[in-house]
C-alpha atoms as a PDB file:
ATOM      1  CA  UNK A   1      -0.050   0.018   0.074  1.00  0.00           C
ATOM      2  CA  UNK A   2       1.477   3.380  -0.968  1.00  0.00           C
ATOM      3  CA  UNK A   3       1.997   5.818   1.879  1.00  0.00           C
ATOM      4  CA  UNK A   4       0.302   9.243   1.633  1.00  0.00           C
ATOM      5  CA  UNK A   5       2.877  11.976   2.502  1.00  0.00           C
ATOM      6  CA  UNK A   6       1.412  14.835   4.205  1.00  0.00           C
ATOM      7  CA  UNK A   7       2.709  18.195   5.496  1.00  0.00           C
ATOM      8  CA  UNK A   8       1.173  19.342   8.838  1.00  0.00           C
ATOM      9  CA  UNK A   9       1.464  22.734  10.831  1.00  0.00           C
ATOM     10  CA  UNK A  10       1.280  23.321  14.522  1.00  0.00           C
ATOM     11  CA  UNK A  11       0.559  26.844  14.161  1.00  0.00           C
ATOM     12  CA  UNK A  12       1.095  29.209  17.200  1.00  0.00           C
ATOM     13  CA  UNK A  13       0.145  32.630  17.729  1.00  0.00           C
ATOM     14  CA  UNK A  14       1.881  35.282  20.099  1.00  0.00           C
ATOM     15  CA  UNK A  15      -0.302  34.001  22.828  1.00  0.00           C
ATOM     16  CA  UNK A  16       1.013  30.579  22.445  1.00  0.00           C
ATOM     17  CA  UNK A  17      -2.526  29.285  21.403  1.00  0.00           C
ATOM     18  CA  UNK A  18      -2.708  26.753  18.536  1.00  0.00           C
ATOM     19  CA  UNK A  19      -4.879  26.669  15.483  1.00  0.00           C
ATOM     20  CA  UNK A  20      -6.915  23.599  14.885  1.00  0.00           C
ATOM     21  CA  UNK A  21      -9.510  22.835  12.123  1.00  0.00           C
ATOM     22  CA  UNK A  22     -12.388  20.620  11.843  1.00  0.00           C
ATOM     23  CA  UNK A  23     -12.217  17.957   9.032  1.00  0.00           C
ATOM     24  CA  UNK A  24     -15.291  17.820   6.676  1.00  0.00           C
ATOM     25  CA  UNK A  25     -17.378  14.778   7.249  1.00  0.00           C
ATOM     26  CA  UNK A  26     -16.971  13.508   3.817  1.00  0.00           C
ATOM     27  CA  UNK A  27     -13.251  13.297   4.138  1.00  0.00           C
ATOM     28  CA  UNK A  28     -11.161  10.246   5.532  1.00  0.00           C
ATOM     29  CA  UNK A  29     -11.422  10.790   9.295  1.00  0.00           C
ATOM     30  CA  UNK A  30     -14.044  13.437   8.849  1.00  0.00           C
ATOM     31  CA  UNK A  31     -15.713  15.104  11.728  1.00  0.00           C
ATOM     32  CA  UNK A  32     -12.576  15.045  13.779  1.00  0.00           C
ATOM     33  CA  UNK A  33     -10.334  18.012  14.741  1.00  0.00           C
ATOM     34  CA  UNK A  34      -6.727  18.262  13.155  1.00  0.00           C
ATOM     35  CA  UNK A  35      -3.785  20.426  12.697  1.00  0.00           C
ATOM     36  CA  UNK A  36      -3.993  22.149   9.337  1.00  0.00           C
ATOM     37  CA  UNK A  37      -1.867  21.019   6.255  1.00  0.00           C
ATOM     38  CA  UNK A  38      -2.124  18.755   3.346  1.00  0.00           C
ATOM     39  CA  UNK A  39      -0.938  16.397   0.765  1.00  0.00           C
ATOM     40  CA  UNK A  40       2.736  16.790  -0.491  1.00  0.00           C
ATOM     41  CA  UNK A  41       2.708  17.142  -4.197  1.00  0.00           C
ATOM     42  CA  UNK A  42       5.197  15.627  -6.604  1.00  0.00           C
ATOM     43  CA  UNK A  43       8.335  17.805  -6.639  1.00  0.00           C
ATOM     44  CA  UNK A  44       7.591  19.550  -3.399  1.00  0.00           C
ATOM     45  CA  UNK A  45       9.512  19.662  -0.157  1.00  0.00           C
ATOM     46  CA  UNK A  46       7.376  19.144   3.020  1.00  0.00           C
ATOM     47  CA  UNK A  47       8.132  22.890   3.974  1.00  0.00           C
ATOM     48  CA  UNK A  48       6.915  23.889   0.604  1.00  0.00           C
ATOM     49  CA  UNK A  49       3.898  21.873   0.661  1.00  0.00           C
ATOM     50  CA  UNK A  50       3.053  23.136   4.162  1.00  0.00           C
ATOM     51  CA  UNK A  51       3.424  26.845   3.051  1.00  0.00           C
ATOM     52  CA  UNK A  52       1.146  26.412  -0.069  1.00  0.00           C
ATOM     53  CA  UNK A  53      -1.486  24.468   2.082  1.00  0.00           C
ATOM     54  CA  UNK A  54      -1.670  26.900   4.787  1.00  0.00           C
ATOM     55  CA  UNK A  55      -1.881  29.785   2.275  1.00  0.00           C
ATOM     56  CA  UNK A  56      -4.630  28.152   0.473  1.00  0.00           C
ATOM     57  CA  UNK A  57      -6.596  26.842   3.543  1.00  0.00           C
ATOM     58  CA  UNK A  58      -6.084  29.798   5.885  1.00  0.00           C
ATOM     59  CA  UNK A  59      -4.610  32.781   3.959  1.00  0.00           C
ATOM     60  CA  UNK A  60      -1.499  32.922   5.827  1.00  0.00           C
ATOM     61  CA  UNK A  61       2.045  33.189   4.674  1.00  0.00           C
ATOM     62  CA  UNK A  62       4.635  31.016   6.383  1.00  0.00           C
ATOM     63  CA  UNK A  63       7.765  32.949   7.137  1.00  0.00           C
ATOM     64  CA  UNK A  64       9.539  30.224   9.118  1.00  0.00           C
ATOM     65  CA  UNK A  65       8.789  26.656  10.143  1.00  0.00           C
ATOM     66  CA  UNK A  66      10.617  24.331  12.470  1.00  0.00           C
ATOM     67  CA  UNK A  67      10.591  20.544  12.413  1.00  0.00           C
ATOM     68  CA  UNK A  68       8.596  18.946  15.189  1.00  0.00           C
ATOM     69  CA  UNK A  69       7.966  15.340  14.672  1.00  0.00           C
ATOM     70  CA  UNK A  70       7.444  12.890  11.872  1.00  0.00           C
ATOM     71  CA  UNK A  71       4.865  10.241  12.288  1.00  0.00           C
ATOM     72  CA  UNK A  72       3.965   7.066  10.287  1.00  0.00           C
ATOM     73  CA  UNK A  73       0.434   5.653  10.996  1.00  0.00           C
ATOM     74  CA  UNK A  74      -1.345   2.759   9.397  1.00  0.00           C
ATOM     75  CA  UNK A  75      -5.312   3.296   9.390  1.00  0.00           C
ATOM     76  CA  UNK A  76      -7.232   0.151   8.283  1.00  0.00           C
ATOM     77  CA  UNK A  77      -7.782   1.899   4.942  1.00  0.00           C
ATOM     78  CA  UNK A  78      -4.793   4.215   4.638  1.00  0.00           C
ATOM     79  CA  UNK A  79      -1.038   4.518   5.454  1.00  0.00           C
ATOM     80  CA  UNK A  80       0.155   8.070   6.058  1.00  0.00           C
ATOM     81  CA  UNK A  81       3.313   9.744   7.007  1.00  0.00           C
ATOM     82  CA  UNK A  82       2.936  13.092   8.680  1.00  0.00           C
ATOM     83  CA  UNK A  83       5.853  15.656   8.373  1.00  0.00           C
ATOM     84  CA  UNK A  84       4.935  17.974  11.357  1.00  0.00           C
ATOM     85  CA  UNK A  85       6.311  21.624  11.758  1.00  0.00           C
ATOM     86  CA  UNK A  86       5.910  24.324  14.276  1.00  0.00           C
ATOM     87  CA  UNK A  87       4.879  27.522  12.612  1.00  0.00           C
ATOM     88  CA  UNK A  88       5.401  30.529  14.844  1.00  0.00           C
ATOM     89  CA  UNK A  89       6.518  32.967  12.271  1.00  0.00           C
ATOM     90  CA  UNK A  90       3.556  33.713   9.663  1.00  0.00           C
ATOM     91  CA  UNK A  91       1.850  36.872   8.226  1.00  0.00           C
ATOM     92  CA  UNK A  92      -1.838  37.377   7.741  1.00  0.00           C
ATOM     93  CA  UNK A  93      -4.817  36.657   9.905  1.00  0.00           C
ATOM     94  CA  UNK A  94      -5.871  33.151   9.673  1.00  0.00           C
ATOM     95  CA  UNK A  95      -9.382  32.608   8.278  1.00  0.00           C
ATOM     96  CA  UNK A  96     -11.181  29.673   6.805  1.00  0.00           C
ATOM     97  CA  UNK A  97     -10.932  29.665   3.124  1.00  0.00           C
ATOM     98  CA  UNK A  98     -12.397  26.144   2.398  1.00  0.00           C
ATOM     99  CA  UNK A  99     -15.552  26.403   4.746  1.00  0.00           C
ATOM    100  CA  UNK A 100     -13.908  24.245   7.494  1.00  0.00           C
ATOM    101  CA  UNK A 101     -14.414  25.397  11.283  1.00  0.00           C
ATOM    102  CA  UNK A 102     -11.264  26.725  12.794  1.00  0.00           C
ATOM    103  CA  UNK A 103     -10.294  28.044  16.233  1.00  0.00           C
ATOM    104  CA  UNK A 104      -7.356  28.785  18.395  1.00  0.00           C
ATOM    105  CA  UNK A 105      -6.959  26.736  21.687  1.00  0.00           C
ATOM    106  CA  UNK A 106      -4.487  26.546  24.501  1.00  0.00           C
ATOM    107  CA  UNK A 107      -2.069  23.761  24.162  1.00  0.00           C
ATOM    108  CA  UNK A 108      -3.451  22.269  27.357  1.00  0.00           C
ATOM    109  CA  UNK A 109      -6.892  22.277  25.728  1.00  0.00           C
ATOM    110  CA  UNK A 110      -5.893  19.899  22.753  1.00  0.00           C
ATOM    111  CA  UNK A 111      -6.512  16.746  24.753  1.00  0.00           C
ATOM    112  CA  UNK A 112     -10.122  17.905  25.136  1.00  0.00           C
ATOM    113  CA  UNK A 113     -10.822  17.676  21.337  1.00  0.00           C
ATOM    114  CA  UNK A 114     -11.114  14.475  19.300  1.00  0.00           C
ATOM    115  CA  UNK A 115      -8.416  14.097  16.775  1.00  0.00           C
ATOM    116  CA  UNK A 116      -7.411  11.282  14.375  1.00  0.00           C
ATOM    117  CA  UNK A 117      -5.280   8.760  15.868  1.00  0.00           C
ATOM    118  CA  UNK A 118      -2.234   9.831  13.906  1.00  0.00           C
ATOM    119  CA  UNK A 119      -2.528  13.191  15.330  1.00  0.00           C
ATOM    120  CA  UNK A 120      -2.171  12.062  18.901  1.00  0.00           C
ATOM    121  CA  UNK A 121       1.470  12.054  19.256  1.00  0.00           C
ATOM    122  CA  UNK A 122       1.523  15.621  17.742  1.00  0.00           C
ATOM    123  CA  UNK A 123      -0.536  16.819  20.668  1.00  0.00           C
ATOM    124  CA  UNK A 124       2.218  15.380  23.008  1.00  0.00           C
ATOM    125  CA  UNK A 125       4.992  17.054  20.958  1.00  0.00           C
ATOM    126  CA  UNK A 126       3.257  20.419  21.056  1.00  0.00           C
ATOM    127  CA  UNK A 127       2.877  20.465  24.722  1.00  0.00           C
ATOM    128  CA  UNK A 128       6.649  19.368  25.316  1.00  0.00           C
ATOM    129  CA  UNK A 129       9.292  22.193  25.456  1.00  0.00           C
ATOM    130  CA  UNK A 130      12.630  21.943  23.533  1.00  0.00           C
ATOM    131  CA  UNK A 131      14.838  21.562  26.506  1.00  0.00           C
ATOM    132  CA  UNK A 132      14.724  18.846  29.145  1.00  0.00           C
ATOM    133  CA  UNK A 133      17.134  19.323  32.016  1.00  0.00           C
ATOM    134  CA  UNK A 134      18.410  16.563  34.414  1.00  0.00           C
ATOM    135  CA  UNK A 135      19.190  17.607  37.909  1.00  0.00           C
ATOM    136  CA  UNK A 136      21.260  15.088  39.601  1.00  0.00           C
ATOM    137  CA  UNK A 137      22.639  14.653  43.146  1.00  0.00           C
ATOM    138  CA  UNK A 138      26.286  15.021  42.594  1.00  0.00           C
ATOM    139  CA  UNK A 139      26.266  17.974  45.244  1.00  0.00           C
ATOM    140  CA  UNK A 140      23.407  17.874  47.544  1.00  0.00           C
ATOM    141  CA  UNK A 141      24.195  21.521  48.835  1.00  0.00           C
ATOM    142  CA  UNK A 142      23.688  22.948  45.377  1.00  0.00           C
ATOM    143  CA  UNK A 143      20.391  21.294  44.437  1.00  0.00           C
ATOM    144  CA  UNK A 144      18.087  24.181  45.223  1.00  0.00           C
ATOM    145  CA  UNK A 145      20.670  26.648  43.772  1.00  0.00           C
ATOM    146  CA  UNK A 146      20.752  24.616  40.536  1.00  0.00           C
ATOM    147  CA  UNK A 147      17.038  24.371  40.308  1.00  0.00           C
ATOM    148  CA  UNK A 148      16.638  28.055  40.639  1.00  0.00           C
ATOM    149  CA  UNK A 149      19.280  28.669  37.984  1.00  0.00           C
ATOM    150  CA  UNK A 150      17.282  26.397  35.597  1.00  0.00           C
ATOM    151  CA  UNK A 151      14.090  28.134  36.298  1.00  0.00           C
ATOM    152  CA  UNK A 152      15.594  31.538  35.878  1.00  0.00           C
ATOM    153  CA  UNK A 153      16.764  30.326  32.381  1.00  0.00           C
ATOM    154  CA  UNK A 154      13.181  29.419  31.377  1.00  0.00           C
ATOM    155  CA  UNK A 155      13.488  25.554  31.470  1.00  0.00           C
ATOM    156  CA  UNK A 156      10.016  24.062  31.516  1.00  0.00           C
ATOM    157  CA  UNK A 157      10.733  20.459  31.913  1.00  0.00           C
ATOM    158  CA  UNK A 158      13.125  19.006  34.581  1.00  0.00           C
ATOM    159  CA  UNK A 159      13.900  15.364  35.712  1.00  0.00           C
ATOM    160  CA  UNK A 160      15.117  14.857  39.354  1.00  0.00           C
ATOM    161  CA  UNK A 161      17.733  12.057  38.974  1.00  0.00           C
ATOM    162  CA  UNK A 162      18.320  11.763  42.918  1.00  0.00           C
ATOM    163  CA  UNK A 163      19.350   8.314  43.137  1.00  0.00           C
ATOM    164  CA  UNK A 164      21.727   8.494  45.877  1.00  0.00           C
ATOM    165  CA  UNK A 165      19.967  10.600  48.386  1.00  0.00           C
ATOM    166  CA  UNK A 166      17.843   9.424  51.416  1.00  0.00           C
ATOM    167  CA  UNK A 167      14.082   9.725  50.835  1.00  0.00           C
ATOM    168  CA  UNK A 168      13.791  12.199  53.770  1.00  0.00           C
ATOM    169  CA  UNK A 169      16.271  14.440  51.927  1.00  0.00           C
ATOM    170  CA  UNK A 170      14.290  14.175  48.679  1.00  0.00           C
ATOM    171  CA  UNK A 171      11.027  14.789  50.187  1.00  0.00           C
ATOM    172  CA  UNK A 172      12.312  18.086  51.813  1.00  0.00           C
ATOM    173  CA  UNK A 173      13.829  19.148  48.557  1.00  0.00           C
ATOM    174  CA  UNK A 174      10.664  18.668  46.642  1.00  0.00           C
ATOM    175  CA  UNK A 175       8.592  20.302  49.365  1.00  0.00           C
ATOM    176  CA  UNK A 176      10.538  23.428  48.624  1.00  0.00           C
ATOM    177  CA  UNK A 177      11.349  22.728  44.725  1.00  0.00           C
ATOM    178  CA  UNK A 178       7.879  21.858  43.447  1.00  0.00           C
ATOM    179  CA  UNK A 179       5.973  25.130  44.465  1.00  0.00           C
ATOM    180  CA  UNK A 180       8.772  27.027  42.692  1.00  0.00           C
ATOM    181  CA  UNK A 181       8.494  24.910  39.618  1.00  0.00           C
ATOM    182  CA  UNK A 182       4.627  25.354  39.631  1.00  0.00           C
ATOM    183  CA  UNK A 183       5.047  29.115  39.737  1.00  0.00           C
ATOM    184  CA  UNK A 184       7.134  28.967  36.528  1.00  0.00           C
ATOM    185  CA  UNK A 185       4.905  26.487  34.761  1.00  0.00           C
ATOM    186  CA  UNK A 186       7.533  23.910  34.831  1.00  0.00           C
ATOM    187  CA  UNK A 187       6.900  20.161  34.892  1.00  0.00           C
ATOM    188  CA  UNK A 188       8.951  17.958  37.269  1.00  0.00           C
ATOM    189  CA  UNK A 189       9.584  14.259  36.792  1.00  0.00           C
ATOM    190  CA  UNK A 190      11.452  11.913  39.129  1.00  0.00           C
ATOM    191  CA  UNK A 191      13.743   9.138  38.030  1.00  0.00           C
ATOM    192  CA  UNK A 192      12.281   5.697  38.619  1.00  0.00           C
ATOM    193  CA  UNK A 193      15.533   4.597  40.317  1.00  0.00           C
ATOM    194  CA  UNK A 194      14.702   6.815  43.370  1.00  0.00           C
ATOM    195  CA  UNK A 195      13.292   4.817  46.254  1.00  0.00           C
ATOM    196  CA  UNK A 196       9.547   5.241  46.385  1.00  0.00           C
ATOM    197  CA  UNK A 197       9.619   7.424  43.357  1.00  0.00           C
ATOM    198  CA  UNK A 198       5.833   7.162  43.043  1.00  0.00           C
ATOM    199  CA  UNK A 199       5.300   8.657  46.508  1.00  0.00           C
ATOM    200  CA  UNK A 200       6.474  12.035  45.685  1.00  0.00           C
ATOM    201  CA  UNK A 201       4.355  14.928  44.670  1.00  0.00           C
ATOM    202  CA  UNK A 202       5.708  15.545  41.002  1.00  0.00           C
ATOM    203  CA  UNK A 203       4.398  15.534  37.346  1.00  0.00           C
ATOM    204  CA  UNK A 204       5.585  12.266  36.174  1.00  0.00           C
ATOM    205  CA  UNK A 205       8.053   9.329  36.356  1.00  0.00           C
ATOM    206  CA  UNK A 206      11.150   8.931  34.155  1.00  0.00           C
ATOM    207  CA  UNK A 207      11.855   5.254  33.640  1.00  0.00           C
ATOM    208  CA  UNK A 208      15.520   4.074  33.532  1.00  0.00           C
ATOM    209  CA  UNK A 209      15.941   1.668  30.679  1.00  0.00           C
ATOM    210  CA  UNK A 210      16.038  -1.315  32.963  1.00  0.00           C
ATOM    211  CA  UNK A 211      12.682  -0.279  34.559  1.00  0.00           C
ATOM    212  CA  UNK A 212      11.355   0.324  31.003  1.00  0.00           C
ATOM    213  CA  UNK A 213      12.269  -3.030  29.718  1.00  0.00           C
ATOM    214  CA  UNK A 214      10.692  -4.775  32.943  1.00  0.00           C
ATOM    215  CA  UNK A 215       7.434  -2.964  32.328  1.00  0.00           C
ATOM    216  CA  UNK A 216       4.642  -4.838  30.482  1.00  0.00           C
ATOM    217  CA  UNK A 217       2.318  -1.951  30.436  1.00  0.00           C
ATOM    218  CA  UNK A 218       2.283   1.849  31.081  1.00  0.00           C
ATOM    219  CA  UNK A 219       2.914   2.118  34.921  1.00  0.00           C
ATOM    220  CA  UNK A 220       0.006   3.311  36.910  1.00  0.00           C
ATOM    221  CA  UNK A 221       0.490   6.912  38.241  1.00  0.00           C
ATOM    222  CA  UNK A 222      -0.968   8.714  41.190  1.00  0.00           C
ATOM    223  CA  UNK A 223      -3.853  10.908  40.412  1.00  0.00           C
ATOM    224  CA  UNK A 224      -2.880  14.321  38.822  1.00  0.00           C
ATOM    225  CA  UNK A 225       0.461  12.905  37.609  1.00  0.00           C
ATOM    226  CA  UNK A 226       0.788  13.281  33.874  1.00  0.00           C
ATOM    227  CA  UNK A 227       3.910  12.196  32.322  1.00  0.00           C
ATOM    228  CA  UNK A 228       5.648   8.877  31.650  1.00  0.00           C
ATOM    229  CA  UNK A 229       9.266   9.274  30.079  1.00  0.00           C
ATOM    230  CA  UNK A 230      11.940   6.692  29.528  1.00  0.00           C
ATOM    231  CA  UNK A 231      15.790   6.350  28.795  1.00  0.00           C
ATOM    232  CA  UNK A 232      16.442   4.728  25.750  1.00  0.00           C
ATOM    233  CA  UNK A 233      19.749   3.526  24.014  1.00  0.00           C
ATOM    234  CA  UNK A 234      18.742   1.363  21.058  1.00  0.00           C
ATOM    235  CA  UNK A 235      15.829   0.381  18.695  1.00  0.00           C
ATOM    236  CA  UNK A 236      14.440  -2.446  20.993  1.00  0.00           C
ATOM    237  CA  UNK A 237      14.053   0.047  23.881  1.00  0.00           C
ATOM    238  CA  UNK A 238      12.520   2.584  21.749  1.00  0.00           C
ATOM    239  CA  UNK A 239       9.832   0.189  20.356  1.00  0.00           C
ATOM    240  CA  UNK A 240       9.037  -1.247  23.805  1.00  0.00           C
ATOM    241  CA  UNK A 241       8.699   2.346  25.130  1.00  0.00           C
ATOM    242  CA  UNK A 242       6.057   3.041  22.385  1.00  0.00           C
ATOM    243  CA  UNK A 243       4.321  -0.286  22.930  1.00  0.00           C
ATOM    244  CA  UNK A 244       3.560   0.393  26.605  1.00  0.00           C
ATOM    245  CA  UNK A 245       2.376   3.848  25.917  1.00  0.00           C
ATOM    246  CA  UNK A 246       5.372   5.953  27.190  1.00  0.00           C
ATOM    247  CA  UNK A 247       4.756   9.789  26.456  1.00  0.00           C
ATOM    248  CA  UNK A 248       8.272  10.756  25.351  1.00  0.00           C
ATOM    249  CA  UNK A 249      11.819   9.339  25.536  1.00  0.00           C
ATOM    250  CA  UNK A 250      15.461  10.443  25.749  1.00  0.00           C
ATOM    251  CA  UNK A 251      17.851   8.673  23.398  1.00  0.00           C
ATOM    252  CA  UNK A 252      21.639   8.490  24.451  1.00  0.00           C
ATOM    253  CA  UNK A 253      24.352   8.923  24.016  1.00  0.00           C
ATOM    254  CA  UNK A 254      24.545  10.913  20.954  1.00  0.00           C
ATOM    255  CA  UNK A 255      27.970  12.271  21.479  1.00  0.00           C
ATOM    256  CA  UNK A 256      31.015  11.282  23.655  1.00  0.00           C
ATOM    257  CA  UNK A 257      30.298  12.278  27.251  1.00  0.00           C
ATOM    258  CA  UNK A 258      32.467  13.282  30.088  1.00  0.00           C
ATOM    259  CA  UNK A 259      30.901  10.872  32.532  1.00  0.00           C
ATOM    260  CA  UNK A 260      31.048   7.800  30.153  1.00  0.00           C
ATOM    261  CA  UNK A 261      33.775   8.395  27.721  1.00  0.00           C
ATOM    262  CA  UNK A 262      34.091   4.607  27.100  1.00  0.00           C
ATOM    263  CA  UNK A 263      30.623   4.405  25.643  1.00  0.00           C
ATOM    264  CA  UNK A 264      30.456   4.527  21.729  1.00  0.00           C
ATOM    265  CA  UNK A 265      28.064   7.465  20.878  1.00  0.00           C
ATOM    266  CA  UNK A 266      25.475   6.990  18.445  1.00  0.00           C
ATOM    267  CA  UNK A 267      26.262  10.052  16.324  1.00  0.00           C
ATOM    268  CA  UNK A 268      23.506  12.143  14.738  1.00  0.00           C
ATOM    269  CA  UNK A 269      22.991   9.955  11.666  1.00  0.00           C
ATOM    270  CA  UNK A 270      22.085   6.778  13.813  1.00  0.00           C
ATOM    271  CA  UNK A 271      20.078   9.018  16.099  1.00  0.00           C
ATOM    272  CA  UNK A 272      18.022  10.213  13.298  1.00  0.00           C
ATOM    273  CA  UNK A 273      17.769   6.695  12.008  1.00  0.00           C
ATOM    274  CA  UNK A 274      16.449   5.345  15.483  1.00  0.00           C
ATOM    275  CA  UNK A 275      14.187   8.435  16.075  1.00  0.00           C
ATOM    276  CA  UNK A 276      12.353   7.622  12.973  1.00  0.00           C
ATOM    277  CA  UNK A 277      11.468   4.126  14.112  1.00  0.00           C
ATOM    278  CA  UNK A 278       8.838   5.494  16.573  1.00  0.00           C
ATOM    279  CA  UNK A 279       5.953   7.898  16.781  1.00  0.00           C
ATOM    280  CA  UNK A 280       7.325   9.503  19.911  1.00  0.00           C
ATOM    281  CA  UNK A 281       8.961  12.814  20.736  1.00  0.00           C
ATOM    282  CA  UNK A 282      12.578  11.929  21.337  1.00  0.00           C
ATOM    283  CA  UNK A 283      15.109  14.170  23.151  1.00  0.00           C
ATOM    284  CA  UNK A 284      18.741  13.808  22.246  1.00  0.00           C
ATOM    285  CA  UNK A 285      20.996  13.298  25.358  1.00  0.00           C
ATOM    286  CA  UNK A 286      24.836  12.953  25.644  1.00  0.00           C
ATOM    287  CA  UNK A 287      27.489  15.359  25.175  1.00  0.00           C
ATOM    288  CA  UNK A 288      25.204  18.080  23.911  1.00  0.00           C
ATOM    289  CA  UNK A 289      24.968  21.945  24.221  1.00  0.00           C
ATOM    290  CA  UNK A 290      21.814  24.098  24.023  1.00  0.00           C
ATOM    291  CA  UNK A 291      23.212  25.309  20.698  1.00  0.00           C
ATOM    292  CA  UNK A 292      22.664  21.733  19.370  1.00  0.00           C
ATOM    293  CA  UNK A 293      18.898  22.140  19.322  1.00  0.00           C
ATOM    294  CA  UNK A 294      18.758  22.938  15.530  1.00  0.00           C
ATOM    295  CA  UNK A 295      20.627  19.812  14.849  1.00  0.00           C
ATOM    296  CA  UNK A 296      18.446  17.630  17.080  1.00  0.00           C
ATOM    297  CA  UNK A 297      15.195  18.995  15.426  1.00  0.00           C
ATOM    298  CA  UNK A 298      16.791  18.443  11.836  1.00  0.00           C
ATOM    299  CA  UNK A 299      17.564  14.865  13.179  1.00  0.00           C
ATOM    300  CA  UNK A 300      13.968  14.264  14.156  1.00  0.00           C
ATOM    301  CA  UNK A 301      14.461  15.063  17.784  1.00  0.00           C
ATOM    302  CA  UNK A 302      12.100  16.916  20.178  1.00  0.00           C
ATOM    303  CA  UNK A 303      14.917  18.834  21.660  1.00  0.00           C
ATOM    304  CA  UNK A 304      17.974  18.598  23.966  1.00  0.00           C
ATOM    305  CA  UNK A 305      18.165  16.773  27.182  1.00  0.00           C
ATOM    306  CA  UNK A 306      21.255  17.458  29.381  1.00  0.00           C
ATOM    307  CA  UNK A 307      22.608  17.754  32.775  1.00  0.00           C
ATOM    308  CA  UNK A 308      25.379  20.512  32.589  1.00  0.00           C
ATOM    309  CA  UNK A 309      24.311  22.370  29.403  1.00  0.00           C
ATOM    310  CA  UNK A 310      21.529  24.279  31.205  1.00  0.00           C
ATOM    311  CA  UNK A 311      23.744  25.208  34.275  1.00  0.00           C
ATOM    312  CA  UNK A 312      26.936  26.409  32.613  1.00  0.00           C
END
């Protein structure tokens, strides 16, 4: 079966709201909400197709678009590949040129709308920020200072990798740290290797690769907890993460790291090849700087995950 190639835009306005449109009931997956876009014609790049479609459908002119995620999905009657881009720079006021209903919604409201199955990973990718900071316990005395530094630099997603600290120390730290993160709109995940990780008041769990591979289904989370993430190093782990319903993953190491210089890095080419195997947001981790964000995105990644890069 031939795969339909489609360019899709997650269009964000100055307020951070996202444009969605309602598919005509006569179309495939009709009556559901979707992110605007359309078929890539012969000879077009995905970026060219997206710019054309958004101009035809919404009367806006794309000034710049950024890769977000690639998705391959098999419906019972159709195979599609979605080339998804964030569009934050455009001119014109969006309007419906083809009679479809359109509206601007907050990213957090996307889950309240019914989308085609192939669009669901796009919602996750649209919610997640480009940077994922890892706060480790190398120096207990600097934990709160490091956290405040991350928040002051606008980091919106943080993993607490506090494997060596006593539970009481972690509890006291989170008691101070979590309200600070909520004030900044920052999500906090805790590493599954932390003793009694699920007992802490945070926004999710980050599974070690060992805990990922021992899980046969998506772990149950306390009420109000949102995210399940996982650490992956190869195709097997990525596919398992997808099969049990993990929300996003980190894939490592992309480059040589100071902490594990003996570990052979994937390199960007293999990172891109592996990231393309799953319909999941994939953060690149290992020896990276914030300035590697564009390279990560061009390689199919959601963004950069790091320990030191956000503190230096």
